[in-house]
C-alpha atoms as a PDB file:
ATOM      1  CA  MET A   1     -58.173  40.857   6.285  1.00  0.00           C
ATOM      2  CA  PRO A   2     -59.476  37.249   6.149  1.00  0.00           C
ATOM      3  CA  TYR A   3     -60.886  35.917   2.867  1.00  0.00           C
ATOM      4  CA  PRO A   4     -62.513  32.581   1.917  1.00  0.00           C
ATOM      5  CA  VAL A   5     -60.784  30.041  -0.301  1.00  0.00           C
ATOM      6  CA  ILE A   6     -64.017  29.742  -2.327  1.00  0.00           C
ATOM      7  CA  ASP A   7     -65.873  33.017  -2.811  1.00  0.00           C
ATOM      8  CA  GLU A   8     -68.156  32.095  -5.739  1.00  0.00           C
ATOM      9  CA  LEU A   9     -69.130  28.623  -6.864  1.00  0.00           C
ATOM     10  CA  SER A  10     -70.622  26.874  -9.861  1.00  0.00           C
ATOM     11  CA  GLY A  11     -71.259  23.142 -10.016  1.00  0.00           C
ATOM     12  CA  ARG A  12     -71.766  20.567  -7.285  1.00  0.00           C
ATOM     13  CA  THR A  13     -68.296  19.006  -7.227  1.00  0.00           C
ATOM     14  CA  ILE A  14     -65.004  20.486  -6.089  1.00  0.00           C
ATOM     15  CA  LEU A  15     -61.523  18.990  -5.897  1.00  0.00           C
ATOM     16  CA  VAL A  16     -59.551  19.191  -2.666  1.00  0.00           C
ATOM     17  CA  ASP A  17     -56.043  17.758  -2.379  1.00  0.00           C
ATOM     18  CA  GLY A  18     -56.601  15.365  -5.272  1.00  0.00           C
ATOM     19  CA  ARG A  19     -60.073  14.185  -4.221  1.00  0.00           C
ATOM     20  CA  LEU A  20     -63.331  14.987  -5.974  1.00  0.00           C
ATOM     21  CA  ILE A  21     -65.979  15.655  -3.337  1.00  0.00           C
ATOM     22  CA  ASP A  22     -69.522  16.958  -3.216  1.00  0.00           C
ATOM     23  CA  VAL A  23     -69.771  20.584  -2.160  1.00  0.00           C
ATOM     24  CA  ASP A  24     -72.132  19.663   0.703  1.00  0.00           C
ATOM     25  CA  GLU A  25     -69.641  17.340   2.386  1.00  0.00           C
ATOM     26  CA  PRO A  26     -68.805  18.556   5.953  1.00  0.00           C
ATOM     27  CA  GLU A  27     -65.091  18.914   5.184  1.00  0.00           C
ATOM     28  CA  THR A  28     -65.796  21.646   2.611  1.00  0.00           C
ATOM     29  CA  GLY A  29     -67.406  24.037   5.121  1.00  0.00           C
ATOM     30  CA  SER A  30     -64.214  25.814   6.135  1.00  0.00           C
ATOM     31  CA  LEU A  31     -63.423  26.643   2.508  1.00  0.00           C
ATOM     32  CA  PHE A  32     -66.331  29.103   2.409  1.00  0.00           C
ATOM     33  CA  LEU A  33     -65.294  30.865   5.644  1.00  0.00           C
ATOM     34  CA  PRO A  34     -62.875  33.820   5.743  1.00  0.00           C
ATOM     35  CA  GLN A  35     -59.344  32.659   6.537  1.00  0.00           C
ATOM     36  CA  ASP A  36     -56.283  34.724   7.335  1.00  0.00           C
ATOM     37  CA  ILE A  37     -53.825  32.701   5.258  1.00  0.00           C
ATOM     38  CA  VAL A  38     -51.681  33.253   2.156  1.00  0.00           C
ATOM     39  CA  MET A  39     -53.519  32.166  -1.001  1.00  0.00           C
ATOM     40  CA  TYR A  40     -52.150  31.945  -4.540  1.00  0.00           C
ATOM     41  CA  TYR A  41     -54.637  31.491  -7.342  1.00  0.00           C
ATOM     42  CA  GLU A  42     -55.404  31.305 -11.050  1.00  0.00           C
ATOM     43  CA  VAL A  43     -58.688  31.740 -12.906  1.00  0.00           C
ATOM     44  CA  ILE A  44     -58.926  29.899 -16.222  1.00  0.00           C
ATOM     45  CA  ARG A  45     -61.717  30.295 -18.719  1.00  0.00           C
ATOM     46  CA  VAL A  46     -63.349  27.031 -19.797  1.00  0.00           C
ATOM     47  CA  VAL A  47     -64.526  27.060 -23.420  1.00  0.00           C
ATOM     48  CA  GLN A  48     -66.242  24.048 -24.998  1.00  0.00           C
ATOM     49  CA  GLY A  49     -65.016  21.992 -22.035  1.00  0.00           C
ATOM     50  CA  ILE A  50     -61.384  23.055 -22.525  1.00  0.00           C
ATOM     51  CA  PRO A  51     -59.481  25.153 -19.922  1.00  0.00           C
ATOM     52  CA  LEU A  52     -57.971  27.805 -22.160  1.00  0.00           C
ATOM     53  CA  PHE A  53     -54.157  28.110 -22.091  1.00  0.00           C
ATOM     54  CA  LEU A  54     -54.040  25.962 -18.955  1.00  0.00           C
ATOM     55  CA  GLU A  55     -50.329  25.202 -19.352  1.00  0.00           C
ATOM     56  CA  ASP A  56     -49.480  28.905 -19.202  1.00  0.00           C
ATOM     57  CA  HIS A  57     -51.692  29.475 -16.162  1.00  0.00           C
ATOM     58  CA  LEU A  58     -50.013  26.646 -14.273  1.00  0.00           C
ATOM     59  CA  ARG A  59     -46.546  27.955 -15.106  1.00  0.00           C
ATOM     60  CA  ARG A  60     -47.544  31.389 -13.807  1.00  0.00           C
ATOM     61  CA  LEU A  61     -49.010  29.821 -10.666  1.00  0.00           C
ATOM     62  CA  GLU A  62     -45.723  28.043  -9.989  1.00  0.00           C
ATOM     63  CA  ARG A  63     -43.839  31.321 -10.452  1.00  0.00           C
ATOM     64  CA  SER A  64     -46.215  33.046  -8.045  1.00  0.00           C
ATOM     65  CA  VAL A  65     -45.667  30.408  -5.364  1.00  0.00           C
ATOM     66  CA  SER A  66     -41.940  30.684  -6.108  1.00  0.00           C
ATOM     67  CA  GLY A  67     -40.691  28.049  -3.666  1.00  0.00           C
ATOM     68  CA  ASP A  68     -43.037  28.977  -0.808  1.00  0.00           C
ATOM     69  CA  PHE A  69     -44.166  25.329  -0.982  1.00  0.00           C
ATOM     70  CA  ASP A  70     -44.261  22.547  -3.539  1.00  0.00           C
ATOM     71  CA  VAL A  71     -46.841  22.770  -6.324  1.00  0.00           C
ATOM     72  CA  SER A  72     -48.506  19.463  -7.190  1.00  0.00           C
ATOM     73  CA  PRO A  73     -47.629  18.117 -10.651  1.00  0.00           C
ATOM     74  CA  ASP A  74     -51.193  16.742 -10.882  1.00  0.00           C
ATOM     75  CA  LEU A  75     -52.953  20.093 -11.347  1.00  0.00           C
ATOM     76  CA  TYR A  76     -53.136  19.756 -15.132  1.00  0.00           C
ATOM     77  CA  GLN A  77     -54.956  16.414 -15.061  1.00  0.00           C
ATOM     78  CA  GLU A  78     -57.056  17.443 -12.042  1.00  0.00           C
ATOM     79  CA  SER A  79     -58.322  20.487 -13.922  1.00  0.00           C
ATOM     80  CA  TYR A  80     -59.745  18.335 -16.712  1.00  0.00           C
ATOM     81  CA  GLN A  81     -61.048  15.849 -14.166  1.00  0.00           C
ATOM     82  CA  LEU A  82     -63.013  18.531 -12.302  1.00  0.00           C
ATOM     83  CA  ILE A  83     -64.505  19.903 -15.519  1.00  0.00           C
ATOM     84  CA  GLU A  84     -65.559  16.400 -16.550  1.00  0.00           C
ATOM     85  CA  ALA A  85     -67.084  15.653 -13.137  1.00  0.00           C
ATOM     86  CA  ASN A  86     -69.285  18.751 -13.346  1.00  0.00           C
ATOM     87  CA  GLY A  87     -70.264  18.203 -16.973  1.00  0.00           C
ATOM     88  CA  CYS A  88     -68.998  21.699 -17.640  1.00  0.00           C
ATOM     89  CA  LYS A  89     -68.698  23.332 -21.061  1.00  0.00           C
ATOM     90  CA  GLU A  90     -68.526  27.052 -20.241  1.00  0.00           C
ATOM     91  CA  ALA A  91     -67.381  28.435 -16.854  1.00  0.00           C
ATOM     92  CA  ASN A  92     -64.305  29.648 -15.023  1.00  0.00           C
ATOM     93  CA  LEU A  93     -61.946  27.166 -13.414  1.00  0.00           C
ATOM     94  CA  ARG A  94     -60.388  28.534 -10.235  1.00  0.00           C
ATOM     95  CA  ILE A  95     -57.289  27.009  -8.651  1.00  0.00           C
ATOM     96  CA  VAL A  96     -56.328  28.141  -5.129  1.00  0.00           C
ATOM     97  CA  LEU A  97     -53.147  26.996  -3.412  1.00  0.00           C
ATOM     98  CA  THR A  98     -52.260  27.439   0.254  1.00  0.00           C
ATOM     99  CA  ARG A  99     -49.542  25.834   2.335  1.00  0.00           C
ATOM    100  CA  GLN A 100     -52.121  23.339   3.599  1.00  0.00           C
ATOM    101  CA  HIS A 101     -54.371  22.612   0.609  1.00  0.00           C
ATOM    102  CA  ARG A 102     -54.946  22.798  -3.110  1.00  0.00           C
ATOM    103  CA  VAL A 103     -58.527  23.535  -4.101  1.00  0.00           C
ATOM    104  CA  LEU A 104     -60.008  23.472  -7.590  1.00  0.00           C
ATOM    105  CA  HIS A 105     -63.567  24.605  -8.227  1.00  0.00           C
ATOM    106  CA  LEU A 106     -65.732  26.127 -10.927  1.00  0.00           C
ATOM    107  CA  ALA A 107     -66.927  29.713 -10.664  1.00  0.00           C
ATOM    108  CA  PRO A 108     -69.473  31.782 -12.601  1.00  0.00           C
ATOM    109  CA  SER A 109     -68.087  33.230 -15.812  1.00  0.00           C
ATOM    110  CA  TYR A 110     -68.724  36.578 -17.396  1.00  0.00           C
ATOM    111  CA  TYR A 111     -68.399  37.065 -21.120  1.00  0.00           C
ATOM    112  CA  PRO A 112     -69.182  40.400 -22.776  1.00  0.00           C
ATOM    113  CA  ASP A 113     -72.385  40.517 -24.802  1.00  0.00           C
ATOM    114  CA  ALA A 114     -72.488  41.420 -28.486  1.00  0.00           C
ATOM    115  CA  LYS A 115     -73.224  45.078 -27.729  1.00  0.00           C
ATOM    116  CA  ALA A 116     -70.173  45.445 -25.476  1.00  0.00           C
ATOM    117  CA  ILE A 117     -67.930  43.889 -28.115  1.00  0.00           C
ATOM    118  CA  LYS A 118     -69.430  45.949 -30.940  1.00  0.00           C
ATOM    119  CA  GLU A 119     -69.522  49.330 -29.155  1.00  0.00           C
ATOM    120  CA  GLY A 120     -66.840  49.047 -26.493  1.00  0.00           C
ATOM    121  CA  VAL A 121     -67.081  49.323 -22.711  1.00  0.00           C
ATOM    122  CA  LEU A 122     -66.850  52.017 -20.069  1.00  0.00           C
ATOM    123  CA  THR A 123     -63.847  52.090 -17.739  1.00  0.00           C
ATOM    124  CA  GLY A 124     -62.913  54.121 -14.688  1.00  0.00           C
ATOM    125  CA  LEU A 125     -59.696  54.851 -12.830  1.00  0.00           C
ATOM    126  CA  LEU A 126     -58.451  53.405  -9.544  1.00  0.00           C
ATOM    127  CA  GLU A 127     -55.299  54.717  -7.900  1.00  0.00           C
ATOM    128  CA  TRP A 128     -53.512  51.512  -6.929  1.00  0.00           C
ATOM    129  CA  GLU A 129     -50.093  49.922  -7.321  1.00  0.00           C
ATOM    130  CA  ARG A 130     -49.655  46.198  -6.867  1.00  0.00           C
ATOM    131  CA  PRO A 131     -46.804  45.536  -4.371  1.00  0.00           C
ATOM    132  CA  ASN A 132     -45.543  42.646  -6.517  1.00  0.00           C
ATOM    133  CA  PRO A 133     -47.251  42.888  -9.914  1.00  0.00           C
ATOM    134  CA  ASN A 134     -46.006  39.551 -11.285  1.00  0.00           C
ATOM    135  CA  THR A 135     -47.316  37.488  -8.336  1.00  0.00           C
ATOM    136  CA  LYS A 136     -50.977  36.505  -8.349  1.00  0.00           C
ATOM    137  CA  MET A 137     -52.085  36.389  -4.719  1.00  0.00           C
ATOM    138  CA  ILE A 138     -55.421  37.133  -3.076  1.00  0.00           C
ATOM    139  CA  HIS A 139     -55.243  40.569  -1.435  1.00  0.00           C
ATOM    140  CA  PRO A 140     -58.514  41.314   0.413  1.00  0.00           C
ATOM    141  CA  ASP A 141     -57.736  45.047   0.727  1.00  0.00           C
ATOM    142  CA  TYR A 142     -57.348  45.278  -3.050  1.00  0.00           C
ATOM    143  CA  LYS A 143     -60.604  43.400  -3.612  1.00  0.00           C
ATOM    144  CA  GLU A 144     -62.381  45.776  -1.262  1.00  0.00           C
ATOM    145  CA  ALA A 145     -60.995  48.870  -3.032  1.00  0.00           C
ATOM    146  CA  VAL A 146     -62.044  47.487  -6.423  1.00  0.00           C
ATOM    147  CA  ALA A 147     -65.552  46.684  -5.185  1.00  0.00           C
ATOM    148  CA  LEU A 148     -66.003  50.169  -3.718  1.00  0.00           C
ATOM    149  CA  ARG A 149     -64.899  51.841  -6.961  1.00  0.00           C
ATOM    150  CA  PHE A 150     -67.158  49.630  -9.091  1.00  0.00           C
ATOM    151  CA  ALA A 151     -70.078  50.696  -6.900  1.00  0.00           C
ATOM    152  CA  ARG A 152     -69.740  54.257  -8.252  1.00  0.00           C
ATOM    153  CA  PRO A 153     -70.793  54.716 -11.887  1.00  0.00           C
ATOM    154  CA  GLY A 154     -68.668  56.698 -14.299  1.00  0.00           C
ATOM    155  CA  PRO A 155     -69.762  59.791 -16.254  1.00  0.00           C
ATOM    156  CA  PHE A 156     -71.528  57.625 -18.868  1.00  0.00           C
ATOM    157  CA  GLY A 157     -72.904  54.867 -16.658  1.00  0.00           C
ATOM    158  CA  PRO A 158     -71.856  51.660 -14.843  1.00  0.00           C
ATOM    159  CA  LEU A 159     -68.252  50.593 -15.375  1.00  0.00           C
ATOM    160  CA  THR A 160     -67.151  47.306 -16.918  1.00  0.00           C
ATOM    161  CA  GLU A 161     -63.522  47.545 -15.808  1.00  0.00           C
ATOM    162  CA  LEU A 162     -61.168  49.701 -13.754  1.00  0.00           C
ATOM    163  CA  ILE A 163     -57.796  50.908 -14.963  1.00  0.00           C
ATOM    164  CA  LEU A 164     -55.096  51.052 -12.313  1.00  0.00           C
ATOM    165  CA  VAL A 165     -53.145  54.302 -12.003  1.00  0.00           C
ATOM    166  CA  ASP A 166     -49.741  54.451 -10.313  1.00  0.00           C
ATOM    167  CA  ARG A 167     -48.414  57.283  -8.144  1.00  0.00           C
ATOM    168  CA  CYS A 168     -47.096  59.078 -11.249  1.00  0.00           C
ATOM    169  CA  GLY A 169     -50.464  58.946 -12.997  1.00  0.00           C
ATOM    170  CA  HIS A 170     -49.509  56.171 -15.427  1.00  0.00           C
ATOM    171  CA  LEU A 171     -52.250  53.883 -16.704  1.00  0.00           C
ATOM    172  CA  THR A 172     -50.762  50.442 -16.066  1.00  0.00           C
ATOM    173  CA  GLU A 173     -53.380  47.680 -16.387  1.00  0.00           C
ATOM    174  CA  GLY A 174     -56.968  46.723 -15.695  1.00  0.00           C
ATOM    175  CA  SER A 175     -58.090  45.478 -12.294  1.00  0.00           C
ATOM    176  CA  ARG A 176     -58.592  42.031 -13.880  1.00  0.00           C
ATOM    177  CA  SER A 177     -57.194  42.542 -17.378  1.00  0.00           C
ATOM    178  CA  ASN A 178     -54.281  43.973 -19.336  1.00  0.00           C
ATOM    179  CA  LEU A 179     -54.488  47.313 -21.116  1.00  0.00           C
ATOM    180  CA  PHE A 180     -53.357  48.238 -24.636  1.00  0.00           C
ATOM    181  CA  PHE A 181     -53.486  51.367 -26.779  1.00  0.00           C
ATOM    182  CA  ILE A 182     -53.302  51.524 -30.565  1.00  0.00           C
ATOM    183  CA  GLU A 183     -51.572  54.506 -32.151  1.00  0.00           C
ATOM    184  CA  GLY A 184     -51.452  54.119 -35.918  1.00  0.00           C
ATOM    185  CA  HIS A 185     -49.848  50.709 -36.456  1.00  0.00           C
ATOM    186  CA  ARG A 186     -48.241  50.630 -33.023  1.00  0.00           C
ATOM    187  CA  VAL A 187     -49.744  48.725 -30.106  1.00  0.00           C
ATOM    188  CA  ILE A 188     -48.662  50.171 -26.754  1.00  0.00           C
ATOM    189  CA  SER A 189     -48.551  48.285 -23.449  1.00  0.00           C
ATOM    190  CA  ALA A 190     -47.005  48.980 -20.056  1.00  0.00           C
ATOM    191  CA  PRO A 191     -43.590  47.354 -19.407  1.00  0.00           C
ATOM    192  CA  ASP A 192     -43.654  43.808 -18.033  1.00  0.00           C
ATOM    193  CA  GLU A 193     -42.283  44.760 -14.614  1.00  0.00           C
ATOM    194  CA  LYS A 194     -45.181  47.149 -13.981  1.00  0.00           C
ATOM    195  CA  ILE A 195     -48.066  44.708 -14.446  1.00  0.00           C
ATOM    196  CA  LEU A 196     -49.412  41.239 -13.831  1.00  0.00           C
ATOM    197  CA  LEU A 197     -48.362  39.385 -16.965  1.00  0.00           C
ATOM    198  CA  GLY A 198     -51.689  38.176 -18.296  1.00  0.00           C
ATOM    199  CA  ILE A 199     -51.861  34.867 -20.107  1.00  0.00           C
ATOM    200  CA  THR A 200     -54.104  36.340 -22.788  1.00  0.00           C
ATOM    201  CA  ARG A 201     -51.590  39.171 -23.188  1.00  0.00           C
ATOM    202  CA  ARG A 202     -48.984  36.666 -24.356  1.00  0.00           C
ATOM    203  CA  TYR A 203     -51.258  35.498 -27.157  1.00  0.00           C
ATOM    204  CA  VAL A 204     -52.207  39.073 -28.017  1.00  0.00           C
ATOM    205  CA  GLU A 205     -48.502  39.655 -28.589  1.00  0.00           C
ATOM    206  CA  LYS A 206     -48.463  36.667 -30.940  1.00  0.00           C
ATOM    207  CA  ALA A 207     -51.502  38.064 -32.803  1.00  0.00           C
ATOM    208  CA  ILE A 208     -49.784  41.472 -33.058  1.00  0.00           C
ATOM    209  CA  ASN A 209     -46.854  39.824 -34.839  1.00  0.00           C
ATOM    210  CA  GLU A 210     -49.134  37.824 -37.117  1.00  0.00           C
ATOM    211  CA  VAL A 211     -50.958  40.896 -38.430  1.00  0.00           C
ATOM    212  CA  GLY A 212     -47.765  42.916 -38.868  1.00  0.00           C
ATOM    213  CA  LEU A 213     -48.237  45.486 -36.111  1.00  0.00           C
ATOM    214  CA  GLU A 214     -45.472  46.841 -33.870  1.00  0.00           C
ATOM    215  CA  LEU A 215     -45.589  46.248 -30.119  1.00  0.00           C
ATOM    216  CA  THR A 216     -43.962  48.905 -27.952  1.00  0.00           C
ATOM    217  CA  PHE A 217     -43.708  49.150 -24.163  1.00  0.00           C
ATOM    218  CA  GLU A 218     -44.450  52.562 -22.744  1.00  0.00           C
ATOM    219  CA  LEU A 219     -46.180  54.143 -19.752  1.00  0.00           C
ATOM    220  CA  LEU A 220     -48.910  56.648 -20.632  1.00  0.00           C
ATOM    221  CA  THR A 221     -50.953  58.995 -18.498  1.00  0.00           C
ATOM    222  CA  LEU A 222     -54.500  59.935 -19.439  1.00  0.00           C
ATOM    223  CA  ASP A 223     -53.141  63.383 -20.346  1.00  0.00           C
ATOM    224  CA  ASP A 224     -50.658  61.686 -22.716  1.00  0.00           C
ATOM    225  CA  VAL A 225     -53.496  59.789 -24.378  1.00  0.00           C
ATOM    226  CA  ARG A 226     -55.448  62.998 -24.896  1.00  0.00           C
ATOM    227  CA  ALA A 227     -52.463  65.065 -26.054  1.00  0.00           C
ATOM    228  CA  ARG A 228     -51.433  62.463 -28.644  1.00  0.00           C
ATOM    229  CA  GLY A 229     -54.963  62.022 -29.903  1.00  0.00           C
ATOM    230  CA  ILE A 230     -55.017  58.281 -29.186  1.00  0.00           C
ATOM    231  CA  GLN A 231     -58.541  57.073 -29.880  1.00  0.00           C
ATOM    232  CA  THR A 232     -58.193  53.292 -29.584  1.00  0.00           C
ATOM    233  CA  ALA A 233     -57.674  51.257 -26.426  1.00  0.00           C
ATOM    234  CA  PHE A 234     -58.631  47.727 -25.490  1.00  0.00           C
ATOM    235  CA  LEU A 235     -58.520  45.229 -22.654  1.00  0.00           C
ATOM    236  CA  SER A 236     -57.364  41.628 -22.772  1.00  0.00           C
ATOM    237  CA  GLY A 237     -58.086  38.816 -20.348  1.00  0.00           C
ATOM    238  CA  SER A 238     -59.122  35.195 -20.092  1.00  0.00           C
ATOM    239  CA  PRO A 239     -62.843  35.884 -19.498  1.00  0.00           C
ATOM    240  CA  ILE A 240     -63.147  38.657 -22.106  1.00  0.00           C
ATOM    241  CA  ASP A 241     -60.733  37.915 -24.968  1.00  0.00           C
ATOM    242  CA  LEU A 242     -60.147  41.392 -26.447  1.00  0.00           C
ATOM    243  CA  LEU A 243     -62.612  44.125 -25.540  1.00  0.00           C
ATOM    244  CA  PRO A 244     -62.587  47.655 -27.023  1.00  0.00           C
ATOM    245  CA  ILE A 245     -62.844  50.621 -24.656  1.00  0.00           C
ATOM    246  CA  ARG A 246     -65.553  53.240 -25.265  1.00  0.00           C
ATOM    247  CA  ALA A 247     -64.431  55.624 -22.537  1.00  0.00           C
ATOM    248  CA  ILE A 248     -61.826  56.059 -19.820  1.00  0.00           C
ATOM    249  CA  GLU A 249     -63.696  58.111 -17.214  1.00  0.00           C
ATOM    250  CA  ASP A 250     -64.915  61.120 -19.250  1.00  0.00           C
ATOM    251  CA  ASP A 251     -62.487  60.628 -22.143  1.00  0.00           C
ATOM    252  CA  GLN A 252     -64.522  59.063 -24.969  1.00  0.00           C
ATOM    253  CA  MET A 253     -62.790  56.845 -27.517  1.00  0.00           C
ATOM    254  CA  THR A 254     -63.625  55.301 -30.901  1.00  0.00           C
ATOM    255  CA  SER A 255     -61.895  51.962 -30.339  1.00  0.00           C
ATOM    256  CA  ALA A 256     -64.721  49.838 -31.755  1.00  0.00           C
ATOM    257  CA  GLY A 257     -64.512  51.708 -35.050  1.00  0.00           C
ATOM    258  CA  ASP A 258     -60.811  51.048 -35.602  1.00  0.00           C
ATOM    259  CA  PRO A 259     -60.175  48.401 -38.331  1.00  0.00           C
ATOM    260  CA  VAL A 260     -56.700  47.783 -36.871  1.00  0.00           C
ATOM    261  CA  PHE A 261     -58.285  46.596 -33.626  1.00  0.00           C
ATOM    262  CA  TRP A 262     -60.596  44.206 -35.495  1.00  0.00           C
ATOM    263  CA  ARG A 263     -57.700  42.704 -37.471  1.00  0.00           C
ATOM    264  CA  LEU A 264     -55.989  42.000 -34.175  1.00  0.00           C
ATOM    265  CA  TYR A 265     -59.206  40.675 -32.619  1.00  0.00           C
ATOM    266  CA  ASP A 266     -59.742  38.177 -35.464  1.00  0.00           C
ATOM    267  CA  ALA A 267     -56.126  36.996 -35.303  1.00  0.00           C
ATOM    268  CA  TYR A 268     -56.420  36.367 -31.566  1.00  0.00           C
ATOM    269  CA  LEU A 269     -59.697  34.423 -31.915  1.00  0.00           C
ATOM    270  CA  HIS A 270     -58.026  32.244 -34.554  1.00  0.00           C
ATOM    271  CA  ILE A 271     -55.286  31.369 -32.033  1.00  0.00           C
ATOM    272  CA  VAL A 272     -57.954  30.483 -29.439  1.00  0.00           C
ATOM    273  CA  GLN A 273     -59.883  28.228 -31.807  1.00  0.00           C
ATOM    274  CA  ASN A 274     -56.723  26.376 -32.820  1.00  0.00           C
ATOM    275  CA  TYR A 275     -55.904  25.750 -29.142  1.00  0.00           C
ATOM    276  CA  ILE A 276     -59.404  24.416 -28.446  1.00  0.00           C
ATOM    277  CA  LYS A 277     -59.350  22.056 -31.444  1.00  0.00           C
ATOM    278  CA  GLU A 278     -55.945  20.681 -30.512  1.00  0.00           C
ATOM    279  CA  HIS A 279     -56.895  20.019 -26.898  1.00  0.00           C
ATOM    280  CA  GLN A 280     -60.300  18.564 -27.705  1.00  0.00           C
ATOM    281  CA  SER A 281     -58.520  15.877 -29.717  1.00  0.00           C
ATOM    282  CA  ASN A 282     -56.257  15.116 -26.727  1.00  0.00           C
ATOM    283  CA  ARG A 283     -58.960  15.361 -24.041  1.00  0.00           C
ATOM    284  CA  LYS A 284     -59.620  11.626 -23.695  1.00  0.00           C
ATOM    285  CA  HIS A 285     -55.916  10.939 -23.321  1.00  0.00           C
ATOM    286  CA  ILE A 286     -55.596  13.590 -20.600  1.00  0.00           C
ATOM    287  CA  LEU A 287     -58.573  12.175 -18.685  1.00  0.00           C
ATOM    288  CA  ASN A 288     -57.266   8.631 -18.981  1.00  0.00           C
ATOM    289  CA  ASP A 289     -53.977   9.763 -17.490  1.00  0.00           C
ATOM    290  CA  SER A 290     -55.775  11.410 -14.570  1.00  0.00           C
ATOM    291  CA  SER A 291     -57.919   8.348 -13.872  1.00  0.00           C
ATOM    292  CA  GLU A 292     -54.777   6.467 -12.881  1.00  0.00           C
ATOM    293  CA  GLN A 293     -54.296   8.767  -9.876  1.00  0.00           C
ATOM    294  CA  ASP A 294     -55.611   8.004  -6.387  1.00  0.00           C
ATOM    295  CA  VAL A 295     -58.798  10.067  -6.586  1.00  0.00           C
ATOM    296  CA  LEU A 296     -62.095   9.540  -4.738  1.00  0.00           C
ATOM    297  CA  THR A 297     -65.168  10.472  -6.776  1.00  0.00           C
ATOM    298  CA  VAL A 298     -68.313  11.181  -4.810  1.00  0.00           C
ATOM    299  CA  LYS A 299     -71.422  10.316  -6.853  1.00  0.00           C
END
């Protein structure tokens, strides 16, 4: 099923093959039309003008492409250049690679409001297994299935996220996030080979170590969660940080009332703030490096 290179857009400037161009330029038209081509992509949250954990996203992108074609070494500098050109402070940075082009653009960002963070969010189930979980490619059939499931509210109202369920009934990951359970002082996540290895997940693991919790890898069904009396679950992802779950379908949880979750949440936010401070101090140097490349800026 064909899909456009750019599906949602923020800002007036995009970057195509190393050139900053205005979105209304004639050459950009095809990027908004459905195309039946292989597309690899990353979505990076921009906070205070800094693309969060960009180095990790680019390493994952290179692993996804995995020799299909060469990945430009300029993506790091180009990311900062695009953010600067749009005067962006808060958004999502989206990088799409095909065999013919590399496209960087800004997209609308969603961040949970205070109520969602304080009370937790509603989630539903979607029976789906990624054919290659560790490769981040655009799959139009998957996007369509997710959209159709989101269109149906859960028992308690509209859903914030979907949890993917494999053929054995295991809860593996979110449709755009990673999934964790807390049982006592253990944090439980699906094994690496079963999921898309989220960038945020890596820093959640670091936060788990910092607060003295134990990370274990295990596949759970919803029946397992109920039988073991697990009452805390949360999602992690670039656009959401850590987000407690209030319900999985009709199974209500008390995640937002668990002090263990909040210890972990605070430790993760501390890691994020340290990253932002470090990269803000290096931002001018990064932009100066990128200005030496052969880039056309359209005013």
